[in-house]
Amino acid sequence: MTAAITITVNGHTYSFKSGGAGKGNLPKGKYDVTAHRNSRFDKPSMVRDGVGYSFALSNKYDARVGATRSELRIHPDGGRPGTIGCIGIQGNRATQNAFRNDMNAELRRNGGHY
């Protein structure tokens, strides 16, 4: 199942998709976000319109699969639509750059966590 929802960061709202492959969409709940890679081009699924990045999400137990999900990220929704459980930000190059800048601003303002 793919979930299409929004996330608000630094006062701006962005659309994202989660799921469609792997173990499905991101488990519901609160997450701690930290910096991971501000520039990323090693995985086409994490690059959109020449912009690649990823922010790390804390691990979360997922009752649907009976296990703790790890290596969850926020990144551009590149390649085929959807993710393997991450938050895949929708939008073009300008949107991707704006999201990355907004997330970095939140992390700076909150001591590296959001």
PDB file of N, CA and C in Angstrom:
ATOM      1  N   MET A   1       0.837  -1.175   0.000  1.00  0.00           N
ATOM      2  CA  MET A   1       0.000   0.000   0.000  1.00  0.00           C
ATOM      3  C   MET A   1       0.887   1.245   0.000  1.00  0.00           C
ATOM      4  N   THR A   2       0.515   2.243  -0.808  1.00  0.00           N
ATOM      5  CA  THR A   2       1.222   3.511  -0.849  1.00  0.00           C
ATOM      6  C   THR A   2       0.355   4.572  -0.182  1.00  0.00           C
ATOM      7  N   ALA A   3       0.934   5.321   0.713  1.00  0.00           N
ATOM      8  CA  ALA A   3       0.227   6.418   1.359  1.00  0.00           C
ATOM      9  C   ALA A   3       0.724   7.727   0.763  1.00  0.00           C
ATOM     10  N   ALA A   4      -0.198   8.628   0.430  1.00  0.00           N
ATOM     11  CA  ALA A   4       0.159   9.955  -0.075  1.00  0.00           C
ATOM     12  C   ALA A   4      -0.324  10.977   0.943  1.00  0.00           C
ATOM     13  N   ILE A   5       0.606  11.700   1.556  1.00  0.00           N
ATOM     14  CA  ILE A   5       0.280  12.632   2.618  1.00  0.00           C
ATOM     15  C   ILE A   5       1.185  13.855   2.535  1.00  0.00           C
ATOM     16  N   THR A   6       1.078  14.727   3.535  1.00  0.00           N
ATOM     17  CA  THR A   6       1.918  15.920   3.538  1.00  0.00           C
ATOM     18  C   THR A   6       2.726  15.987   4.825  1.00  0.00           C
ATOM     19  N   ILE A   7       3.811  16.754   4.749  1.00  0.00           N
ATOM     20  CA  ILE A   7       4.678  17.016   5.890  1.00  0.00           C
ATOM     21  C   ILE A   7       4.977  18.512   5.882  1.00  0.00           C
ATOM     22  N   THR A   8       4.918  19.136   7.045  1.00  0.00           N
ATOM     23  CA  THR A   8       5.223  20.559   7.152  1.00  0.00           C
ATOM     24  C   THR A   8       6.555  20.722   7.881  1.00  0.00           C
ATOM     25  N   VAL A   9       7.471  21.420   7.223  1.00  0.00           N
ATOM     26  CA  VAL A   9       8.821  21.636   7.744  1.00  0.00           C
ATOM     27  C   VAL A   9       9.168  23.108   7.559  1.00  0.00           C
ATOM     28  N   ASN A  10       9.576  23.750   8.638  1.00  0.00           N
ATOM     29  CA  ASN A  10       9.994  25.150   8.595  1.00  0.00           C
ATOM     30  C   ASN A  10       8.883  26.040   8.022  1.00  0.00           C
ATOM     31  N   GLY A  11       7.634  25.692   8.317  1.00  0.00           N
ATOM     32  CA  GLY A  11       6.491  26.481   7.877  1.00  0.00           C
ATOM     33  C   GLY A  11       6.017  26.229   6.463  1.00  0.00           C
ATOM     34  N   HIS A  12       6.645  25.291   5.743  1.00  0.00           N
ATOM     35  CA  HIS A  12       6.252  24.971   4.375  1.00  0.00           C
ATOM     36  C   HIS A  12       5.746  23.530   4.319  1.00  0.00           C
ATOM     37  N   THR A  13       4.727  23.299   3.527  1.00  0.00           N
ATOM     38  CA  THR A  13       4.122  21.969   3.427  1.00  0.00           C
ATOM     39  C   THR A  13       4.522  21.306   2.115  1.00  0.00           C
ATOM     40  N   TYR A  14       4.900  20.025   2.217  1.00  0.00           N
ATOM     41  CA  TYR A  14       5.350  19.245   1.071  1.00  0.00           C
ATOM     42  C   TYR A  14       4.548  17.951   0.991  1.00  0.00           C
ATOM     43  N   SER A  15       4.276  17.505  -0.232  1.00  0.00           N
ATOM     44  CA  SER A  15       3.613  16.220  -0.453  1.00  0.00           C
ATOM     45  C   SER A  15       4.656  15.119  -0.483  1.00  0.00           C
ATOM     46  N   PHE A  16       4.284  13.958   0.042  1.00  0.00           N
ATOM     47  CA  PHE A  16       5.185  12.816  -0.049  1.00  0.00           C
ATOM     48  C   PHE A  16       4.402  11.526  -0.211  1.00  0.00           C
ATOM     49  N   LYS A  17       5.100  10.505  -0.663  1.00  0.00           N
ATOM     50  CA  LYS A  17       4.556   9.157  -0.745  1.00  0.00           C
ATOM     51  C   LYS A  17       5.407   8.259   0.116  1.00  0.00           C
ATOM     52  N   SER A  18       4.769   7.225   0.645  1.00  0.00           N
ATOM     53  CA  SER A  18       5.485   6.233   1.439  1.00  0.00           C
ATOM     54  C   SER A  18       4.908   4.880   1.100  1.00  0.00           C
ATOM     55  N   GLY A  19       5.769   3.943   0.790  1.00  0.00           N
ATOM     56  CA  GLY A  19       5.322   2.591   0.481  1.00  0.00           C
ATOM     57  C   GLY A  19       5.179   2.352  -1.010  1.00  0.00           C
ATOM     58  N   GLY A  20       4.597   1.196  -1.316  1.00  0.00           N
ATOM     59  CA  GLY A  20       4.460   0.762  -2.695  1.00  0.00           C
ATOM     60  C   GLY A  20       5.420  -0.364  -3.027  1.00  0.00           C
ATOM     61  N   ALA A  21       6.413  -0.567  -2.165  1.00  0.00           N
ATOM     62  CA  ALA A  21       7.402  -1.627  -2.360  1.00  0.00           C
ATOM     63  C   ALA A  21       7.930  -2.059  -0.996  1.00  0.00           C
ATOM     64  N   GLY A  22       8.715  -3.109  -0.985  1.00  0.00           N
ATOM     65  CA  GLY A  22       9.319  -3.580   0.267  1.00  0.00           C
ATOM     66  C   GLY A  22       8.264  -3.979   1.284  1.00  0.00           C
ATOM     67  N   LYS A  23       8.412  -3.496   2.511  1.00  0.00           N
ATOM     68  CA  LYS A  23       7.487  -3.838   3.599  1.00  0.00           C
ATOM     69  C   LYS A  23       6.333  -2.855   3.713  1.00  0.00           C
ATOM     70  N   GLY A  24       6.167  -1.994   2.724  1.00  0.00           N
ATOM     71  CA  GLY A  24       5.040  -1.069   2.718  1.00  0.00           C
ATOM     72  C   GLY A  24       5.369   0.271   3.314  1.00  0.00           C
ATOM     73  N   ASN A  25       4.297   1.056   3.525  1.00  0.00           N
ATOM     74  CA  ASN A  25       4.478   2.434   3.970  1.00  0.00           C
ATOM     75  C   ASN A  25       5.033   2.526   5.394  1.00  0.00           C
ATOM     76  N   LEU A  26       5.492   3.722   5.702  1.00  0.00           N
ATOM     77  CA  LEU A  26       6.064   4.059   6.999  1.00  0.00           C
ATOM     78  C   LEU A  26       5.063   3.749   8.113  1.00  0.00           C
ATOM     79  N   PRO A  27       5.498   3.093   9.184  1.00  0.00           N
ATOM     80  CA  PRO A  27       4.589   2.862  10.313  1.00  0.00           C
ATOM     81  C   PRO A  27       4.143   4.188  10.932  1.00  0.00           C
ATOM     82  N   LYS A  28       2.904   4.255  11.391  1.00  0.00           N
ATOM     83  CA  LYS A  28       2.395   5.464  12.039  1.00  0.00           C
ATOM     84  C   LYS A  28       3.153   5.724  13.330  1.00  0.00           C
ATOM     85  N   GLY A  29       3.281   7.010  13.675  1.00  0.00           N
ATOM     86  CA  GLY A  29       3.929   7.373  14.927  1.00  0.00           C
ATOM     87  C   GLY A  29       4.807   8.587  14.773  1.00  0.00           C
ATOM     88  N   LYS A  30       5.460   8.954  15.855  1.00  0.00           N
ATOM     89  CA  LYS A  30       6.386  10.076  15.867  1.00  0.00           C
ATOM     90  C   LYS A  30       7.791   9.553  15.621  1.00  0.00           C
ATOM     91  N   TYR A  31       8.587  10.363  14.932  1.00  0.00           N
ATOM     92  CA  TYR A  31       9.952   9.993  14.587  1.00  0.00           C
ATOM     93  C   TYR A  31      10.913  11.113  14.958  1.00  0.00           C
ATOM     94  N   ASP A  32      12.140  10.738  15.260  1.00  0.00           N
ATOM     95  CA  ASP A  32      13.220  11.692  15.431  1.00  0.00           C
ATOM     96  C   ASP A  32      13.939  11.754  14.085  1.00  0.00           C
ATOM     97  N   VAL A  33      14.145  12.962  13.569  1.00  0.00           N
ATOM     98  CA  VAL A  33      14.838  13.152  12.293  1.00  0.00           C
ATOM     99  C   VAL A  33      16.206  13.741  12.570  1.00  0.00           C
ATOM    100  N   THR A  34      17.229  13.172  11.939  1.00  0.00           N
ATOM    101  CA  THR A  34      18.593  13.692  12.042  1.00  0.00           C
ATOM    102  C   THR A  34      19.204  13.760  10.647  1.00  0.00           C
ATOM    103  N   ALA A  35      20.291  14.505  10.536  1.00  0.00           N
ATOM    104  CA  ALA A  35      20.989  14.619   9.254  1.00  0.00           C
ATOM    105  C   ALA A  35      21.564  13.265   8.864  1.00  0.00           C
ATOM    106  N   HIS A  36      21.603  12.981   7.580  1.00  0.00           N
ATOM    107  CA  HIS A  36      22.213  11.756   7.083  1.00  0.00           C
ATOM    108  C   HIS A  36      23.164  12.098   5.945  1.00  0.00           C
ATOM    109  N   ARG A  37      22.641  12.458   4.779  1.00  0.00           N
ATOM    110  CA  ARG A  37      23.477  12.860   3.649  1.00  0.00           C
ATOM    111  C   ARG A  37      22.828  14.068   2.978  1.00  0.00           C
ATOM    112  N   ASN A  38      23.530  15.182   2.959  1.00  0.00           N
ATOM    113  CA  ASN A  38      22.988  16.401   2.367  1.00  0.00           C
ATOM    114  C   ASN A  38      23.076  16.384   0.847  1.00  0.00           C
ATOM    115  N   SER A  39      23.935  15.530   0.323  1.00  0.00           N
ATOM    116  CA  SER A  39      24.070  15.338  -1.114  1.00  0.00           C
ATOM    117  C   SER A  39      24.190  13.838  -1.341  1.00  0.00           C
ATOM    118  N   ARG A  40      23.320  13.303  -2.193  1.00  0.00           N
ATOM    119  CA  ARG A  40      23.278  11.850  -2.334  1.00  0.00           C
ATOM    120  C   ARG A  40      22.947  11.484  -3.777  1.00  0.00           C
ATOM    121  N   PHE A  41      23.792  10.662  -4.383  1.00  0.00           N
ATOM    122  CA  PHE A  41      23.551  10.244  -5.761  1.00  0.00           C
ATOM    123  C   PHE A  41      23.821   8.756  -5.964  1.00  0.00           C
ATOM    124  N   ASP A  42      24.027   8.003  -4.874  1.00  0.00           N
ATOM    125  CA  ASP A  42      24.358   6.589  -4.975  1.00  0.00           C
ATOM    126  C   ASP A  42      23.137   5.710  -5.243  1.00  0.00           C
ATOM    127  N   LYS A  43      21.927   6.218  -4.991  1.00  0.00           N
ATOM    128  CA  LYS A  43      20.707   5.442  -5.217  1.00  0.00           C
ATOM    129  C   LYS A  43      19.732   6.279  -6.040  1.00  0.00           C
ATOM    130  N   PRO A  44      19.422   5.858  -7.274  1.00  0.00           N
ATOM    131  CA  PRO A  44      18.487   6.617  -8.116  1.00  0.00           C
ATOM    132  C   PRO A  44      17.129   6.873  -7.456  1.00  0.00           C
ATOM    133  N   SER A  45      16.731   5.997  -6.551  1.00  0.00           N
ATOM    134  CA  SER A  45      15.445   6.183  -5.869  1.00  0.00           C
ATOM    135  C   SER A  45      15.468   7.357  -4.903  1.00  0.00           C
ATOM    136  N   MET A  46      16.661   7.907  -4.619  1.00  0.00           N
ATOM    137  CA  MET A  46      16.798   9.028  -3.690  1.00  0.00           C
ATOM    138  C   MET A  46      17.252  10.303  -4.399  1.00  0.00           C
ATOM    139  N   VAL A  47      17.026  10.361  -5.714  1.00  0.00           N
ATOM    140  CA  VAL A  47      17.403  11.526  -6.512  1.00  0.00           C
ATOM    141  C   VAL A  47      16.234  11.893  -7.422  1.00  0.00           C
ATOM    142  N   ARG A  48      15.919  13.176  -7.484  1.00  0.00           N
ATOM    143  CA  ARG A  48      14.870  13.651  -8.388  1.00  0.00           C
ATOM    144  C   ARG A  48      15.338  14.945  -9.035  1.00  0.00           C
ATOM    145  N   ASP A  49      15.267  15.008 -10.351  1.00  0.00           N
ATOM    146  CA  ASP A  49      15.675  16.195 -11.115  1.00  0.00           C
ATOM    147  C   ASP A  49      17.066  16.688 -10.729  1.00  0.00           C
ATOM    148  N   GLY A  50      17.980  15.755 -10.505  1.00  0.00           N
ATOM    149  CA  GLY A  50      19.362  16.104 -10.193  1.00  0.00           C
ATOM    150  C   GLY A  50      19.619  16.509  -8.751  1.00  0.00           C
ATOM    151  N   VAL A  51      18.623  16.349  -7.869  1.00  0.00           N
ATOM    152  CA  VAL A  51      18.778  16.691  -6.446  1.00  0.00           C
ATOM    153  C   VAL A  51      18.663  15.415  -5.631  1.00  0.00           C
ATOM    154  N   GLY A  52      19.701  15.120  -4.845  1.00  0.00           N
ATOM    155  CA  GLY A  52      19.683  13.940  -3.989  1.00  0.00           C
ATOM    156  C   GLY A  52      20.089  14.291  -2.571  1.00  0.00           C
ATOM    157  N   TYR A  53      19.381  13.738  -1.590  1.00  0.00           N
ATOM    158  CA  TYR A  53      19.668  13.933  -0.168  1.00  0.00           C
ATOM    159  C   TYR A  53      18.944  12.843   0.601  1.00  0.00           C
ATOM    160  N   SER A  54      19.296  12.676   1.859  1.00  0.00           N
ATOM    161  CA  SER A  54      18.503  11.819   2.745  1.00  0.00           C
ATOM    162  C   SER A  54      18.693  12.282   4.184  1.00  0.00           C
ATOM    163  N   PHE A  55      17.601  12.233   4.924  1.00  0.00           N
ATOM    164  CA  PHE A  55      17.587  12.526   6.351  1.00  0.00           C
ATOM    165  C   PHE A  55      17.158  11.244   7.045  1.00  0.00           C
ATOM    166  N   ALA A  56      17.813  10.903   8.147  1.00  0.00           N
ATOM    167  CA  ALA A  56      17.543   9.650   8.853  1.00  0.00           C
ATOM    168  C   ALA A  56      16.339   9.797   9.783  1.00  0.00           C
ATOM    169  N   LEU A  57      15.498   8.768   9.803  1.00  0.00           N
ATOM    170  CA  LEU A  57      14.381   8.665  10.736  1.00  0.00           C
ATOM    171  C   LEU A  57      14.719   7.605  11.768  1.00  0.00           C
ATOM    172  N   SER A  58      14.253   7.804  12.988  1.00  0.00           N
ATOM    173  CA  SER A  58      14.488   6.803  14.029  1.00  0.00           C
ATOM    174  C   SER A  58      13.789   5.491  13.673  1.00  0.00           C
ATOM    175  N   ASN A  59      14.296   4.393  14.226  1.00  0.00           N
ATOM    176  CA  ASN A  59      13.690   3.081  14.015  1.00  0.00           C
ATOM    177  C   ASN A  59      12.305   3.047  14.649  1.00  0.00           C
ATOM    178  N   LYS A  60      11.429   2.196  14.105  1.00  0.00           N
ATOM    179  CA  LYS A  60      10.065   2.116  14.624  1.00  0.00           C
ATOM    180  C   LYS A  60       9.555   0.680  14.482  1.00  0.00           C
ATOM    181  N   TYR A  61       8.965   0.158  15.570  1.00  0.00           N
ATOM    182  CA  TYR A  61       8.345  -1.165  15.515  1.00  0.00           C
ATOM    183  C   TYR A  61       7.116  -1.077  14.618  1.00  0.00           C
ATOM    184  N   ASP A  62       6.955  -2.049  13.741  1.00  0.00           N
ATOM    185  CA  ASP A  62       5.823  -2.099  12.804  1.00  0.00           C
ATOM    186  C   ASP A  62       5.065  -3.396  13.042  1.00  0.00           C
ATOM    187  N   ALA A  63       3.917  -3.299  13.697  1.00  0.00           N
ATOM    188  CA  ALA A  63       3.116  -4.483  14.026  1.00  0.00           C
ATOM    189  C   ALA A  63       2.651  -5.211  12.762  1.00  0.00           C
ATOM    190  N   ARG A  64       2.517  -4.501  11.651  1.00  0.00           N
ATOM    191  CA  ARG A  64       2.069  -5.141  10.406  1.00  0.00           C
ATOM    192  C   ARG A  64       3.042  -6.207   9.926  1.00  0.00           C
ATOM    193  N   VAL A  65       4.328  -5.999  10.193  1.00  0.00           N
ATOM    194  CA  VAL A  65       5.343  -6.963   9.754  1.00  0.00           C
ATOM    195  C   VAL A  65       5.979  -7.695  10.927  1.00  0.00           C
ATOM    196  N   GLY A  66       5.605  -7.304  12.158  1.00  0.00           N
ATOM    197  CA  GLY A  66       6.119  -7.971  13.353  1.00  0.00           C
ATOM    198  C   GLY A  66       7.595  -7.767  13.589  1.00  0.00           C
ATOM    199  N   ALA A  67       8.104  -6.600  13.191  1.00  0.00           N
ATOM    200  CA  ALA A  67       9.536  -6.335  13.339  1.00  0.00           C
ATOM    201  C   ALA A  67       9.770  -4.831  13.424  1.00  0.00           C
ATOM    202  N   THR A  68      10.961  -4.471  13.891  1.00  0.00           N
ATOM    203  CA  THR A  68      11.360  -3.071  13.929  1.00  0.00           C
ATOM    204  C   THR A  68      11.881  -2.679  12.561  1.00  0.00           C
ATOM    205  N   ARG A  69      11.358  -1.590  12.031  1.00  0.00           N
ATOM    206  CA  ARG A  69      11.808  -1.076  10.738  1.00  0.00           C
ATOM    207  C   ARG A  69      12.984  -0.145  10.980  1.00  0.00           C
ATOM    208  N   SER A  70      14.020  -0.284  10.188  1.00  0.00           N
ATOM    209  CA  SER A  70      15.215   0.540  10.330  1.00  0.00           C
ATOM    210  C   SER A  70      15.625   1.074   8.964  1.00  0.00           C
ATOM    211  N   GLU A  71      16.637   1.905   8.956  1.00  0.00           N
ATOM    212  CA  GLU A  71      17.136   2.549   7.739  1.00  0.00           C
ATOM    213  C   GLU A  71      16.033   3.302   7.010  1.00  0.00           C
ATOM    214  N   LEU A  72      15.104   3.873   7.786  1.00  0.00           N
ATOM    215  CA  LEU A  72      14.049   4.705   7.222  1.00  0.00           C
ATOM    216  C   LEU A  72      14.625   6.090   6.976  1.00  0.00           C
ATOM    217  N   ARG A  73      14.247   6.708   5.868  1.00  0.00           N
ATOM    218  CA  ARG A  73      14.806   7.996   5.476  1.00  0.00           C
ATOM    219  C   ARG A  73      13.717   8.918   4.931  1.00  0.00           C
ATOM    220  N   ILE A  74      14.045  10.203   4.861  1.00  0.00           N
ATOM    221  CA  ILE A  74      13.304  11.183   4.073  1.00  0.00           C
ATOM    222  C   ILE A  74      14.208  11.521   2.905  1.00  0.00           C
ATOM    223  N   HIS A  75      13.705  11.387   1.688  1.00  0.00           N
ATOM    224  CA  HIS A  75      14.504  11.641   0.493  1.00  0.00           C
ATOM    225  C   HIS A  75      13.584  11.981  -0.669  1.00  0.00           C
ATOM    226  N   PRO A  76      14.147  12.484  -1.782  1.00  0.00           N
ATOM    227  CA  PRO A  76      13.307  12.715  -2.955  1.00  0.00           C
ATOM    228  C   PRO A  76      12.693  11.388  -3.413  1.00  0.00           C
ATOM    229  N   ASP A  77      11.487  11.447  -3.932  1.00  0.00           N
ATOM    230  CA  ASP A  77      10.856  10.251  -4.492  1.00  0.00           C
ATOM    231  C   ASP A  77      11.319  10.131  -5.935  1.00  0.00           C
ATOM    232  N   GLY A  78      12.484   9.501  -6.109  1.00  0.00           N
ATOM    233  CA  GLY A  78      13.059   9.328  -7.434  1.00  0.00           C
ATOM    234  C   GLY A  78      12.778   7.934  -7.971  1.00  0.00           C
ATOM    235  N   GLY A  79      13.085   7.719  -9.225  1.00  0.00           N
ATOM    236  CA  GLY A  79      12.821   6.414  -9.836  1.00  0.00           C
ATOM    237  C   GLY A  79      11.325   6.180  -9.949  1.00  0.00           C
ATOM    238  N   ARG A  80      10.901   4.951  -9.686  1.00  0.00           N
ATOM    239  CA  ARG A  80       9.466   4.645  -9.711  1.00  0.00           C
ATOM    240  C   ARG A  80       8.773   5.319  -8.532  1.00  0.00           C
ATOM    241  N   PRO A  81       7.528   5.774  -8.699  1.00  0.00           N
ATOM    242  CA  PRO A  81       6.806   6.424  -7.589  1.00  0.00           C
ATOM    243  C   PRO A  81       6.678   5.509  -6.377  1.00  0.00           C
ATOM    244  N   GLY A  82       6.818   6.092  -5.201  1.00  0.00           N
ATOM    245  CA  GLY A  82       6.715   5.342  -3.957  1.00  0.00           C
ATOM    246  C   GLY A  82       8.076   4.978  -3.406  1.00  0.00           C
ATOM    247  N   THR A  83       8.060   4.346  -2.218  1.00  0.00           N
ATOM    248  CA  THR A  83       9.295   4.009  -1.519  1.00  0.00           C
ATOM    249  C   THR A  83       9.163   2.622  -0.883  1.00  0.00           C
ATOM    250  N   ILE A  84      10.203   2.173  -0.206  1.00  0.00           N
ATOM    251  CA  ILE A  84      10.134   0.903   0.524  1.00  0.00           C
ATOM    252  C   ILE A  84       9.865   1.146   2.003  1.00  0.00           C
ATOM    253  N   GLY A  85       9.244   2.287   2.306  1.00  0.00           N
ATOM    254  CA  GLY A  85       8.891   2.621   3.676  1.00  0.00           C
ATOM    255  C   GLY A  85       9.378   3.982   4.111  1.00  0.00           C
ATOM    256  N   CYS A  86      10.153   4.616   3.281  1.00  0.00           N
ATOM    257  CA  CYS A  86      10.671   5.951   3.584  1.00  0.00           C
ATOM    258  C   CYS A  86       9.621   7.009   3.272  1.00  0.00           C
ATOM    259  N   ILE A  87       9.966   8.257   3.541  1.00  0.00           N
ATOM    260  CA  ILE A  87       9.170   9.397   3.121  1.00  0.00           C
ATOM    261  C   ILE A  87       9.807   9.913   1.840  1.00  0.00           C
ATOM    262  N   GLY A  88       9.113   9.762   0.721  1.00  0.00           N
ATOM    263  CA  GLY A  88       9.604  10.201  -0.587  1.00  0.00           C
ATOM    264  C   GLY A  88       8.966  11.524  -0.969  1.00  0.00           C
ATOM    265  N   ILE A  89       9.733  12.601  -0.881  1.00  0.00           N
ATOM    266  CA  ILE A  89       9.213  13.938  -1.169  1.00  0.00           C
ATOM    267  C   ILE A  89       8.904  14.062  -2.660  1.00  0.00           C
ATOM    268  N   GLN A  90       7.692  14.524  -2.957  1.00  0.00           N
ATOM    269  CA  GLN A  90       7.235  14.725  -4.328  1.00  0.00           C
ATOM    270  C   GLN A  90       7.628  16.113  -4.806  1.00  0.00           C
ATOM    271  N   GLY A  91       7.852  16.263  -6.085  1.00  0.00           N
ATOM    272  CA  GLY A  91       8.092  17.592  -6.639  1.00  0.00           C
ATOM    273  C   GLY A  91       9.352  17.687  -7.462  1.00  0.00           C
ATOM    274  N   ASN A  92       9.471  18.811  -8.137  1.00  0.00           N
ATOM    275  CA  ASN A  92      10.575  19.048  -9.057  1.00  0.00           C
ATOM    276  C   ASN A  92      11.836  19.515  -8.322  1.00  0.00           C
ATOM    277  N   ARG A  93      12.809  19.907  -9.095  1.00  0.00           N
ATOM    278  CA  ARG A  93      14.114  20.337  -8.551  1.00  0.00           C
ATOM    279  C   ARG A  93      13.953  21.456  -7.526  1.00  0.00           C
ATOM    280  N   ALA A  94      13.139  22.460  -7.846  1.00  0.00           N
ATOM    281  CA  ALA A  94      12.952  23.588  -6.921  1.00  0.00           C
ATOM    282  C   ALA A  94      12.334  23.117  -5.609  1.00  0.00           C
ATOM    283  N   THR A  95      11.360  22.219  -5.687  1.00  0.00           N
ATOM    284  CA  THR A  95      10.725  21.685  -4.486  1.00  0.00           C
ATOM    285  C   THR A  95      11.721  20.898  -3.654  1.00  0.00           C
ATOM    286  N   GLN A  96      12.537  20.072  -4.303  1.00  0.00           N
ATOM    287  CA  GLN A  96      13.528  19.257  -3.588  1.00  0.00           C
ATOM    288  C   GLN A  96      14.559  20.139  -2.878  1.00  0.00           C
ATOM    289  N   ASN A  97      15.043  21.163  -3.576  1.00  0.00           N
ATOM    290  CA  ASN A  97      16.003  22.083  -2.952  1.00  0.00           C
ATOM    291  C   ASN A  97      15.372  22.822  -1.783  1.00  0.00           C
ATOM    292  N   ALA A  98      14.120  23.258  -1.943  1.00  0.00           N
ATOM    293  CA  ALA A  98      13.427  23.975  -0.867  1.00  0.00           C
ATOM    294  C   ALA A  98      13.243  23.069   0.346  1.00  0.00           C
ATOM    295  N   PHE A  99      12.830  21.802   0.122  1.00  0.00           N
ATOM    296  CA  PHE A  99      12.646  20.887   1.243  1.00  0.00           C
ATOM    297  C   PHE A  99      13.964  20.660   1.987  1.00  0.00           C
ATOM    298  N   ARG A 100      15.028  20.374   1.236  1.00  0.00           N
ATOM    299  CA  ARG A 100      16.328  20.141   1.868  1.00  0.00           C
ATOM    300  C   ARG A 100      16.747  21.354   2.703  1.00  0.00           C
ATOM    301  N   ASN A 101      16.578  22.564   2.156  1.00  0.00           N
ATOM    302  CA  ASN A 101      16.923  23.780   2.891  1.00  0.00           C
ATOM    303  C   ASN A 101      16.063  23.941   4.139  1.00  0.00           C
ATOM    304  N   ASP A 102      14.761  23.679   4.018  1.00  0.00           N
ATOM    305  CA  ASP A 102      13.869  23.794   5.174  1.00  0.00           C
ATOM    306  C   ASP A 102      14.214  22.776   6.253  1.00  0.00           C
ATOM    307  N   MET A 103      14.511  21.542   5.872  1.00  0.00           N
ATOM    308  CA  MET A 103      14.855  20.519   6.871  1.00  0.00           C
ATOM    309  C   MET A 103      16.169  20.865   7.553  1.00  0.00           C
ATOM    310  N   ASN A 104      17.143  21.337   6.794  1.00  0.00           N
ATOM    311  CA  ASN A 104      18.416  21.738   7.402  1.00  0.00           C
ATOM    312  C   ASN A 104      18.220  22.905   8.363  1.00  0.00           C
ATOM    313  N   ALA A 105      17.330  23.837   8.036  1.00  0.00           N
ATOM    314  CA  ALA A 105      17.039  24.958   8.933  1.00  0.00           C
ATOM    315  C   ALA A 105      16.424  24.455  10.241  1.00  0.00           C
ATOM    316  N   GLU A 106      15.494  23.511  10.150  1.00  0.00           N
ATOM    317  CA  GLU A 106      14.875  22.930  11.355  1.00  0.00           C
ATOM    318  C   GLU A 106      15.925  22.219  12.208  1.00  0.00           C
ATOM    319  N   LEU A 107      16.798  21.464  11.573  1.00  0.00           N
ATOM    320  CA  LEU A 107      17.832  20.741  12.313  1.00  0.00           C
ATOM    321  C   LEU A 107      18.779  21.709  13.018  1.00  0.00           C
ATOM    322  N   ARG A 108      19.182  22.776  12.336  1.00  0.00           N
ATOM    323  CA  ARG A 108      20.049  23.781  12.969  1.00  0.00           C
ATOM    324  C   ARG A 108      19.328  24.415  14.170  1.00  0.00           C
ATOM    325  N   ARG A 109      18.079  24.745  14.006  1.00  0.00           N
ATOM    326  CA  ARG A 109      17.305  25.413  15.052  1.00  0.00           C
ATOM    327  C   ARG A 109      17.061  24.517  16.244  1.00  0.00           C
ATOM    328  N   ASN A 110      17.036  23.196  16.026  1.00  0.00           N
ATOM    329  CA  ASN A 110      16.694  22.241  17.085  1.00  0.00           C
ATOM    330  C   ASN A 110      17.849  21.353  17.520  1.00  0.00           C
ATOM    331  N   GLY A 111      19.064  21.836  17.399  1.00  0.00           N
ATOM    332  CA  GLY A 111      20.230  21.108  17.888  1.00  0.00           C
ATOM    333  C   GLY A 111      20.518  19.802  17.166  1.00  0.00           C
ATOM    334  N   GLY A 112      20.165  19.711  15.889  1.00  0.00           N
ATOM    335  CA  GLY A 112      20.477  18.527  15.098  1.00  0.00           C
ATOM    336  C   GLY A 112      19.403  17.460  15.089  1.00  0.00           C
ATOM    337  N   HIS A 113      18.283  17.711  15.788  1.00  0.00           N
ATOM    338  CA  HIS A 113      17.159  16.767  15.808  1.00  0.00           C
ATOM    339  C   HIS A 113      15.884  17.525  15.492  1.00  0.00           C
ATOM    340  N   TYR A 114      14.927  16.816  14.919  1.00  0.00           N
ATOM    341  CA  TYR A 114      13.636  17.423  14.630  1.00  0.00           C
ATOM    342  C   TYR A 114      12.556  16.394  14.877  1.00  0.00           C
TER     343      TYR A 114
END
